[in-house]
Amino acid sequence: MDKINKTQLDIEKAEERGLVHRDYISHCLRWNYALKFIDVGARVLDVGSGNGMLAQVLYVNKYRPEKYVGVDIRPSAIQEMLRRKTNFPKQGKVFDIRFKVYPKEWENHFDIVTCFEVIEHFEKQYLNHVLSQIRVVLKPEGLLLLSTPNYDGIHQAANHVHEYYWPELKAELIKHFKIEKTIGTFASQKDLKPVMTREELFVFEEIKDFLDSNIISVVFASVHPYNSRNILWVCRKNDKI
């Protein structure tokens, strides 16, 4: 039977304990990174948009894309996204990205597509379709920002269907895109310390007494993506592929 997991990581829950887990920090940093590429007049497609936190981030930081479109398999998530206050046009579409084809009018339409923490929630057999459809809707030289856990597929989170170790996902991405950059979003210290430079270890020792381990894991993961537990892939549409 085909599997899909519909868990929602809600950023508001980070305030309940007053302690922010690395998962929440990473979410915020992904949205912040996306802002670097969303200029006034940009068209944004948020694949697996959930309740529209990216739209919220755009609004509160005074970004005004020409259009924001969120797609998600859950009608309740789309409804919540559409209720969010924004100062730019937004649309929502209940959509199963595993099977469906995007509307014809979306072809070569979007400047940027985000797909944050989505592909680990369904089986690998659908990934090629998902990536090919994203490529169709991106403008020439359009940008895909995709994040997902970086695990061996054996020790994955219990609420995930399929997690990708980086060589496996890279092989799939290069079929459709040019990979411009990989950024680690969080890591375990036991994975990082063996590959850290002497200078990095010095900084680590200097800051560890004050900074929470969740924050430290995010800081150093950014420069050691393949040793990180989660990777943000920065990909460009390339018509030569």
C-alpha atoms as a PDB file:
ATOM      1  CA  MET A   1       0.000   0.000   0.000  1.00  0.00           C
ATOM      2  CA  ASP A   2       1.308   3.470  -0.881  1.00  0.00           C
ATOM      3  CA  LYS A   3       2.410   5.443   2.134  1.00  0.00           C
ATOM      4  CA  ILE A   4       2.232   9.099   2.958  1.00  0.00           C
ATOM      5  CA  ASN A   5       2.726  10.801   6.303  1.00  0.00           C
ATOM      6  CA  LYS A   6       0.877  14.025   7.051  1.00  0.00           C
ATOM      7  CA  THR A   7       2.521  15.275  10.223  1.00  0.00           C
ATOM      8  CA  GLN A   8       2.712  19.040  10.642  1.00  0.00           C
ATOM      9  CA  LEU A   9       5.602  20.677  12.480  1.00  0.00           C
ATOM     10  CA  ASP A  10       4.030  23.839  13.853  1.00  0.00           C
ATOM     11  CA  ILE A  11       6.496  26.586  14.641  1.00  0.00           C
ATOM     12  CA  GLU A  12       4.192  28.146  17.259  1.00  0.00           C
ATOM     13  CA  LYS A  13       4.806  25.111  19.485  1.00  0.00           C
ATOM     14  CA  ALA A  14       8.398  26.228  19.950  1.00  0.00           C
ATOM     15  CA  GLU A  15       7.182  28.784  22.491  1.00  0.00           C
ATOM     16  CA  GLU A  16       5.541  26.268  24.811  1.00  0.00           C
ATOM     17  CA  ARG A  17       8.710  25.343  26.727  1.00  0.00           C
ATOM     18  CA  GLY A  18      10.787  28.438  26.058  1.00  0.00           C
ATOM     19  CA  LEU A  19      13.424  26.157  24.529  1.00  0.00           C
ATOM     20  CA  VAL A  20      13.745  25.979  20.777  1.00  0.00           C
ATOM     21  CA  HIS A  21      14.685  22.615  19.302  1.00  0.00           C
ATOM     22  CA  ARG A  22      17.049  22.504  16.332  1.00  0.00           C
ATOM     23  CA  ASP A  23      14.137  21.456  14.086  1.00  0.00           C
ATOM     24  CA  TYR A  24      12.416  24.787  14.724  1.00  0.00           C
ATOM     25  CA  ILE A  25      15.606  26.792  14.335  1.00  0.00           C
ATOM     26  CA  SER A  26      16.226  25.066  11.007  1.00  0.00           C
ATOM     27  CA  HIS A  27      12.729  25.870   9.793  1.00  0.00           C
ATOM     28  CA  CYS A  28      13.233  29.549  10.558  1.00  0.00           C
ATOM     29  CA  LEU A  29      16.600  29.594   8.827  1.00  0.00           C
ATOM     30  CA  ARG A  30      15.181  27.922   5.705  1.00  0.00           C
ATOM     31  CA  TRP A  31      12.460  30.551   5.434  1.00  0.00           C
ATOM     32  CA  ASN A  32      15.034  33.281   6.040  1.00  0.00           C
ATOM     33  CA  TYR A  33      17.242  31.858   3.306  1.00  0.00           C
ATOM     34  CA  ALA A  34      14.301  31.759   0.881  1.00  0.00           C
ATOM     35  CA  LEU A  35      13.796  35.496   1.420  1.00  0.00           C
ATOM     36  CA  LYS A  36      17.165  36.129  -0.219  1.00  0.00           C
ATOM     37  CA  PHE A  37      15.676  35.036  -3.544  1.00  0.00           C
ATOM     38  CA  ILE A  38      12.120  36.381  -3.346  1.00  0.00           C
ATOM     39  CA  ASP A  39      12.249  39.828  -4.876  1.00  0.00           C
ATOM     40  CA  VAL A  40       9.320  42.182  -5.364  1.00  0.00           C
ATOM     41  CA  GLY A  41       7.299  40.750  -8.227  1.00  0.00           C
ATOM     42  CA  ALA A  42       8.541  37.173  -7.777  1.00  0.00           C
ATOM     43  CA  ARG A  43       6.196  34.249  -8.271  1.00  0.00           C
ATOM     44  CA  VAL A  44       6.521  31.658  -5.516  1.00  0.00           C
ATOM     45  CA  LEU A  45       5.254  28.073  -5.419  1.00  0.00           C
ATOM     46  CA  ASP A  46       5.382  26.485  -1.960  1.00  0.00           C
ATOM     47  CA  VAL A  47       5.175  22.693  -2.424  1.00  0.00           C
ATOM     48  CA  GLY A  48       3.894  21.037   0.725  1.00  0.00           C
ATOM     49  CA  SER A  49       3.030  24.458   2.098  1.00  0.00           C
ATOM     50  CA  GLY A  50       1.285  23.189   5.213  1.00  0.00           C
ATOM     51  CA  ASN A  51      -0.464  25.998   7.050  1.00  0.00           C
ATOM     52  CA  GLY A  52       1.439  28.696   5.168  1.00  0.00           C
ATOM     53  CA  MET A  53       4.289  29.675   7.452  1.00  0.00           C
ATOM     54  CA  LEU A  54       6.375  30.818   4.484  1.00  0.00           C
ATOM     55  CA  ALA A  55       3.548  33.171   3.491  1.00  0.00           C
ATOM     56  CA  GLN A  56       3.507  34.434   7.076  1.00  0.00           C
ATOM     57  CA  VAL A  57       7.261  35.030   7.025  1.00  0.00           C
ATOM     58  CA  LEU A  58       6.974  36.953   3.761  1.00  0.00           C
ATOM     59  CA  TYR A  59       4.208  39.141   5.150  1.00  0.00           C
ATOM     60  CA  VAL A  60       5.716  40.030   8.530  1.00  0.00           C
ATOM     61  CA  ASN A  61       9.064  40.835   6.882  1.00  0.00           C
ATOM     62  CA  LYS A  62       7.352  43.138   4.365  1.00  0.00           C
ATOM     63  CA  TYR A  63       8.111  41.064   1.270  1.00  0.00           C
ATOM     64  CA  ARG A  64       5.589  41.400  -1.536  1.00  0.00           C
ATOM     65  CA  PRO A  65       5.864  38.726  -4.205  1.00  0.00           C
ATOM     66  CA  GLU A  66       3.652  39.042  -7.248  1.00  0.00           C
ATOM     67  CA  LYS A  67       2.049  35.744  -6.312  1.00  0.00           C
ATOM     68  CA  TYR A  68       2.315  33.068  -3.648  1.00  0.00           C
ATOM     69  CA  VAL A  69       0.780  29.658  -4.328  1.00  0.00           C
ATOM     70  CA  GLY A  70       0.690  26.932  -1.691  1.00  0.00           C
ATOM     71  CA  VAL A  71      -0.087  23.325  -2.533  1.00  0.00           C
ATOM     72  CA  ASP A  72      -0.737  20.645   0.054  1.00  0.00           C
ATOM     73  CA  ILE A  73      -2.580  17.336   0.246  1.00  0.00           C
ATOM     74  CA  ARG A  74      -4.495  18.435   3.361  1.00  0.00           C
ATOM     75  CA  PRO A  75      -7.567  20.657   2.823  1.00  0.00           C
ATOM     76  CA  SER A  76      -7.388  21.890   6.426  1.00  0.00           C
ATOM     77  CA  ALA A  77      -3.808  23.119   5.932  1.00  0.00           C
ATOM     78  CA  ILE A  78      -4.731  25.016   2.768  1.00  0.00           C
ATOM     79  CA  GLN A  79      -7.710  26.603   4.501  1.00  0.00           C
ATOM     80  CA  GLU A  80      -5.505  27.765   7.360  1.00  0.00           C
ATOM     81  CA  MET A  81      -2.944  29.140   4.926  1.00  0.00           C
ATOM     82  CA  LEU A  82      -5.619  31.115   3.068  1.00  0.00           C
ATOM     83  CA  ARG A  83      -6.843  32.643   6.354  1.00  0.00           C
ATOM     84  CA  ARG A  84      -3.429  34.162   7.047  1.00  0.00           C
ATOM     85  CA  LYS A  85      -3.220  37.905   6.571  1.00  0.00           C
ATOM     86  CA  THR A  86      -0.958  38.973   3.711  1.00  0.00           C
ATOM     87  CA  ASN A  87      -0.454  42.078   1.560  1.00  0.00           C
ATOM     88  CA  PHE A  88       0.144  40.084  -1.623  1.00  0.00           C
ATOM     89  CA  PRO A  89      -2.047  37.751  -3.697  1.00  0.00           C
ATOM     90  CA  LYS A  90      -2.025  34.162  -2.525  1.00  0.00           C
ATOM     91  CA  GLN A  91      -3.677  31.017  -3.773  1.00  0.00           C
ATOM     92  CA  GLY A  92      -4.075  27.560  -2.318  1.00  0.00           C
ATOM     93  CA  LYS A  93      -4.570  24.257  -4.042  1.00  0.00           C
ATOM     94  CA  VAL A  94      -5.351  20.874  -2.487  1.00  0.00           C
ATOM     95  CA  PHE A  95      -3.039  18.693  -4.516  1.00  0.00           C
ATOM     96  CA  ASP A  96      -1.390  15.270  -4.317  1.00  0.00           C
ATOM     97  CA  ILE A  97       2.064  15.965  -5.721  1.00  0.00           C
ATOM     98  CA  ARG A  98       2.832  12.244  -5.977  1.00  0.00           C
ATOM     99  CA  PHE A  99       0.467  11.693  -8.897  1.00  0.00           C
ATOM    100  CA  LYS A 100      -0.982  14.886 -10.285  1.00  0.00           C
ATOM    101  CA  VAL A 101       0.200  17.197 -13.049  1.00  0.00           C
ATOM    102  CA  TYR A 102       0.268  20.927 -12.385  1.00  0.00           C
ATOM    103  CA  PRO A 103      -2.098  23.146 -14.411  1.00  0.00           C
ATOM    104  CA  LYS A 104      -0.949  23.981 -17.923  1.00  0.00           C
ATOM    105  CA  GLU A 105      -0.859  27.692 -17.137  1.00  0.00           C
ATOM    106  CA  TRP A 106       1.831  27.057 -14.509  1.00  0.00           C
ATOM    107  CA  GLU A 107       4.420  25.919 -17.047  1.00  0.00           C
ATOM    108  CA  ASN A 108       7.564  28.104 -16.914  1.00  0.00           C
ATOM    109  CA  HIS A 109       5.658  30.385 -14.538  1.00  0.00           C
ATOM    110  CA  PHE A 110       7.416  30.455 -11.147  1.00  0.00           C
ATOM    111  CA  ASP A 111      10.673  32.157 -10.213  1.00  0.00           C
ATOM    112  CA  ILE A 112      11.185  30.019  -7.114  1.00  0.00           C
ATOM    113  CA  VAL A 113       9.789  26.764  -5.777  1.00  0.00           C
ATOM    114  CA  THR A 114      10.251  25.803  -2.145  1.00  0.00           C
ATOM    115  CA  CYS A 115       9.840  22.231  -0.952  1.00  0.00           C
ATOM    116  CA  PHE A 116      10.778  22.107   2.717  1.00  0.00           C
ATOM    117  CA  GLU A 117      10.553  18.856   4.693  1.00  0.00           C
ATOM    118  CA  VAL A 118       8.182  17.152   2.243  1.00  0.00           C
ATOM    119  CA  ILE A 119       9.765  14.356   0.217  1.00  0.00           C
ATOM    120  CA  GLU A 120      10.551  12.199   3.255  1.00  0.00           C
ATOM    121  CA  HIS A 121       6.802  11.863   3.804  1.00  0.00           C
ATOM    122  CA  PHE A 122       6.124   9.634   0.794  1.00  0.00           C
ATOM    123  CA  GLU A 123       7.692   6.645  -0.913  1.00  0.00           C
ATOM    124  CA  LYS A 124      10.681   7.078  -3.220  1.00  0.00           C
ATOM    125  CA  GLN A 125       8.833   5.755  -6.265  1.00  0.00           C
ATOM    126  CA  TYR A 126       7.079   9.141  -6.578  1.00  0.00           C
ATOM    127  CA  LEU A 127      10.138  11.373  -6.331  1.00  0.00           C
ATOM    128  CA  ASN A 128      10.930  11.480 -10.046  1.00  0.00           C
ATOM    129  CA  HIS A 129       7.410  12.681 -10.840  1.00  0.00           C
ATOM    130  CA  VAL A 130       7.539  15.309  -8.094  1.00  0.00           C
ATOM    131  CA  LEU A 131      10.870  16.702  -9.295  1.00  0.00           C
ATOM    132  CA  SER A 132       9.929  16.617 -12.978  1.00  0.00           C
ATOM    133  CA  GLN A 133       6.747  18.568 -12.260  1.00  0.00           C
ATOM    134  CA  ILE A 134       8.652  21.184 -10.284  1.00  0.00           C
ATOM    135  CA  ARG A 135      11.022  21.571 -13.220  1.00  0.00           C
ATOM    136  CA  VAL A 136       8.076  22.088 -15.591  1.00  0.00           C
ATOM    137  CA  VAL A 137       6.630  24.994 -13.613  1.00  0.00           C
ATOM    138  CA  LEU A 138       9.920  26.813 -12.991  1.00  0.00           C
ATOM    139  CA  LYS A 139      10.954  29.611 -15.319  1.00  0.00           C
ATOM    140  CA  PRO A 140      14.219  29.162 -17.210  1.00  0.00           C
ATOM    141  CA  GLU A 141      16.993  29.458 -14.597  1.00  0.00           C
ATOM    142  CA  GLY A 142      14.313  29.286 -11.891  1.00  0.00           C
ATOM    143  CA  LEU A 143      15.343  28.178  -8.397  1.00  0.00           C
ATOM    144  CA  LEU A 144      14.341  25.164  -6.313  1.00  0.00           C
ATOM    145  CA  LEU A 145      15.027  25.171  -2.572  1.00  0.00           C
ATOM    146  CA  LEU A 146      14.501  21.658  -1.208  1.00  0.00           C
ATOM    147  CA  SER A 147      15.252  20.393   2.276  1.00  0.00           C
ATOM    148  CA  THR A 148      14.991  16.917   3.733  1.00  0.00           C
ATOM    149  CA  PRO A 149      16.698  14.741   6.357  1.00  0.00           C
ATOM    150  CA  ASN A 150      20.058  13.219   5.457  1.00  0.00           C
ATOM    151  CA  TYR A 151      19.960   9.692   6.843  1.00  0.00           C
ATOM    152  CA  ASP A 152      20.891   6.225   5.673  1.00  0.00           C
ATOM    153  CA  GLY A 153      17.259   5.106   5.422  1.00  0.00           C
ATOM    154  CA  ILE A 154      17.727   2.658   8.284  1.00  0.00           C
ATOM    155  CA  HIS A 155      17.785   4.932  11.311  1.00  0.00           C
ATOM    156  CA  GLN A 156      15.148   7.315  10.040  1.00  0.00           C
ATOM    157  CA  ALA A 157      12.494   9.061  12.111  1.00  0.00           C
ATOM    158  CA  ALA A 158       9.517   6.881  12.939  1.00  0.00           C
ATOM    159  CA  ASN A 159       7.074   9.339  11.384  1.00  0.00           C
ATOM    160  CA  HIS A 160       8.856   9.433   8.013  1.00  0.00           C
ATOM    161  CA  VAL A 161       8.201   7.129   5.077  1.00  0.00           C
ATOM    162  CA  HIS A 162      11.548   7.353   3.241  1.00  0.00           C
ATOM    163  CA  GLU A 163      14.622   9.360   4.165  1.00  0.00           C
ATOM    164  CA  TYR A 164      17.471   9.951   1.704  1.00  0.00           C
ATOM    165  CA  TYR A 165      21.167   9.703   2.330  1.00  0.00           C
ATOM    166  CA  TRP A 166      22.809  12.461   0.299  1.00  0.00           C
ATOM    167  CA  PRO A 167      24.322  10.353  -2.554  1.00  0.00           C
ATOM    168  CA  GLU A 168      20.905   8.833  -3.240  1.00  0.00           C
ATOM    169  CA  LEU A 169      19.121  12.178  -3.392  1.00  0.00           C
ATOM    170  CA  LYS A 170      21.889  13.852  -5.379  1.00  0.00           C
ATOM    171  CA  ALA A 171      21.554  11.163  -8.060  1.00  0.00           C
ATOM    172  CA  GLU A 172      17.856  11.970  -8.366  1.00  0.00           C
ATOM    173  CA  LEU A 173      18.224  15.745  -8.341  1.00  0.00           C
ATOM    174  CA  ILE A 174      20.837  15.908 -11.095  1.00  0.00           C
ATOM    175  CA  LYS A 175      18.407  14.228 -13.469  1.00  0.00           C
ATOM    176  CA  HIS A 176      16.345  17.417 -13.392  1.00  0.00           C
ATOM    177  CA  PHE A 177      18.441  20.274 -11.989  1.00  0.00           C
ATOM    178  CA  LYS A 178      21.859  21.794 -11.617  1.00  0.00           C
ATOM    179  CA  ILE A 179      22.849  21.667  -7.943  1.00  0.00           C
ATOM    180  CA  GLU A 180      24.352  25.019  -6.996  1.00  0.00           C
ATOM    181  CA  LYS A 181      24.906  24.531  -3.287  1.00  0.00           C
ATOM    182  CA  THR A 182      24.220  22.234  -0.345  1.00  0.00           C
ATOM    183  CA  ILE A 183      23.782  23.641   3.157  1.00  0.00           C
ATOM    184  CA  GLY A 184      23.572  21.622   6.339  1.00  0.00           C
ATOM    185  CA  THR A 185      20.726  22.798   8.542  1.00  0.00           C
ATOM    186  CA  PHE A 186      21.433  20.831  11.702  1.00  0.00           C
ATOM    187  CA  ALA A 187      23.758  18.060  12.839  1.00  0.00           C
ATOM    188  CA  SER A 188      24.783  15.858  15.701  1.00  0.00           C
ATOM    189  CA  GLN A 189      27.985  16.903  17.436  1.00  0.00           C
ATOM    190  CA  LYS A 190      29.310  13.354  17.177  1.00  0.00           C
ATOM    191  CA  ASP A 191      28.997  13.615  13.399  1.00  0.00           C
ATOM    192  CA  LEU A 192      30.530  17.057  13.182  1.00  0.00           C
ATOM    193  CA  LYS A 193      33.510  17.001  15.519  1.00  0.00           C
ATOM    194  CA  PRO A 194      35.574  14.462  13.522  1.00  0.00           C
ATOM    195  CA  VAL A 195      35.431  16.708  10.424  1.00  0.00           C
ATOM    196  CA  MET A 196      35.769  20.109  12.072  1.00  0.00           C
ATOM    197  CA  THR A 197      38.905  22.125  11.485  1.00  0.00           C
ATOM    198  CA  ARG A 198      41.153  23.189  14.344  1.00  0.00           C
ATOM    199  CA  GLU A 199      39.733  26.700  14.087  1.00  0.00           C
ATOM    200  CA  GLU A 200      36.163  25.413  14.185  1.00  0.00           C
ATOM    201  CA  LEU A 201      36.924  23.286  17.240  1.00  0.00           C
ATOM    202  CA  PHE A 202      38.369  26.343  18.957  1.00  0.00           C
ATOM    203  CA  VAL A 203      35.195  28.330  18.306  1.00  0.00           C
ATOM    204  CA  PHE A 204      33.093  25.364  19.409  1.00  0.00           C
ATOM    205  CA  GLU A 205      34.873  25.218  22.767  1.00  0.00           C
ATOM    206  CA  GLU A 206      34.560  28.978  23.224  1.00  0.00           C
ATOM    207  CA  ILE A 207      30.788  29.123  22.699  1.00  0.00           C
ATOM    208  CA  LYS A 208      29.530  25.822  24.094  1.00  0.00           C
ATOM    209  CA  ASP A 209      29.252  27.025  27.691  1.00  0.00           C
ATOM    210  CA  PHE A 210      26.635  29.612  26.767  1.00  0.00           C
ATOM    211  CA  LEU A 211      24.948  28.477  23.561  1.00  0.00           C
ATOM    212  CA  ASP A 212      22.518  25.593  23.638  1.00  0.00           C
ATOM    213  CA  SER A 213      23.611  22.453  21.775  1.00  0.00           C
ATOM    214  CA  ASN A 214      20.661  22.892  19.400  1.00  0.00           C
ATOM    215  CA  ILE A 215      22.030  26.256  18.284  1.00  0.00           C
ATOM    216  CA  ILE A 216      25.594  24.977  17.978  1.00  0.00           C
ATOM    217  CA  SER A 217      24.458  22.048  15.843  1.00  0.00           C
ATOM    218  CA  VAL A 218      22.870  24.460  13.389  1.00  0.00           C
ATOM    219  CA  VAL A 219      25.835  26.837  13.218  1.00  0.00           C
ATOM    220  CA  PHE A 220      28.425  24.222  12.326  1.00  0.00           C
ATOM    221  CA  ALA A 221      26.130  22.098  10.170  1.00  0.00           C
ATOM    222  CA  SER A 222      25.972  24.895   7.620  1.00  0.00           C
ATOM    223  CA  VAL A 223      29.591  24.303   6.584  1.00  0.00           C
ATOM    224  CA  HIS A 224      29.497  20.499   6.752  1.00  0.00           C
ATOM    225  CA  PRO A 225      26.345  19.557   4.827  1.00  0.00           C
ATOM    226  CA  TYR A 226      27.152  15.919   4.093  1.00  0.00           C
ATOM    227  CA  ASN A 227      27.853  15.258   7.777  1.00  0.00           C
ATOM    228  CA  SER A 228      24.614  16.938   8.786  1.00  0.00           C
ATOM    229  CA  ARG A 229      21.318  15.331   9.660  1.00  0.00           C
ATOM    230  CA  ASN A 230      19.398  17.594   7.309  1.00  0.00           C
ATOM    231  CA  ILE A 231      20.400  19.320   4.059  1.00  0.00           C
ATOM    232  CA  LEU A 232      19.032  22.269   2.124  1.00  0.00           C
ATOM    233  CA  TRP A 233      19.625  21.707  -1.597  1.00  0.00           C
ATOM    234  CA  VAL A 234      19.864  24.833  -3.764  1.00  0.00           C
ATOM    235  CA  CYS A 235      19.061  23.825  -7.340  1.00  0.00           C
ATOM    236  CA  ARG A 236      18.708  25.713 -10.603  1.00  0.00           C
ATOM    237  CA  LYS A 237      16.589  24.777 -13.595  1.00  0.00           C
ATOM    238  CA  ASN A 238      18.901  24.027 -16.489  1.00  0.00           C
ATOM    239  CA  ASP A 239      17.403  23.590 -19.947  1.00  0.00           C
ATOM    240  CA  LYS A 240      20.444  21.560 -21.035  1.00  0.00           C
ATOM    241  CA  ILE A 241      19.388  18.662 -18.801  1.00  0.00           C
END
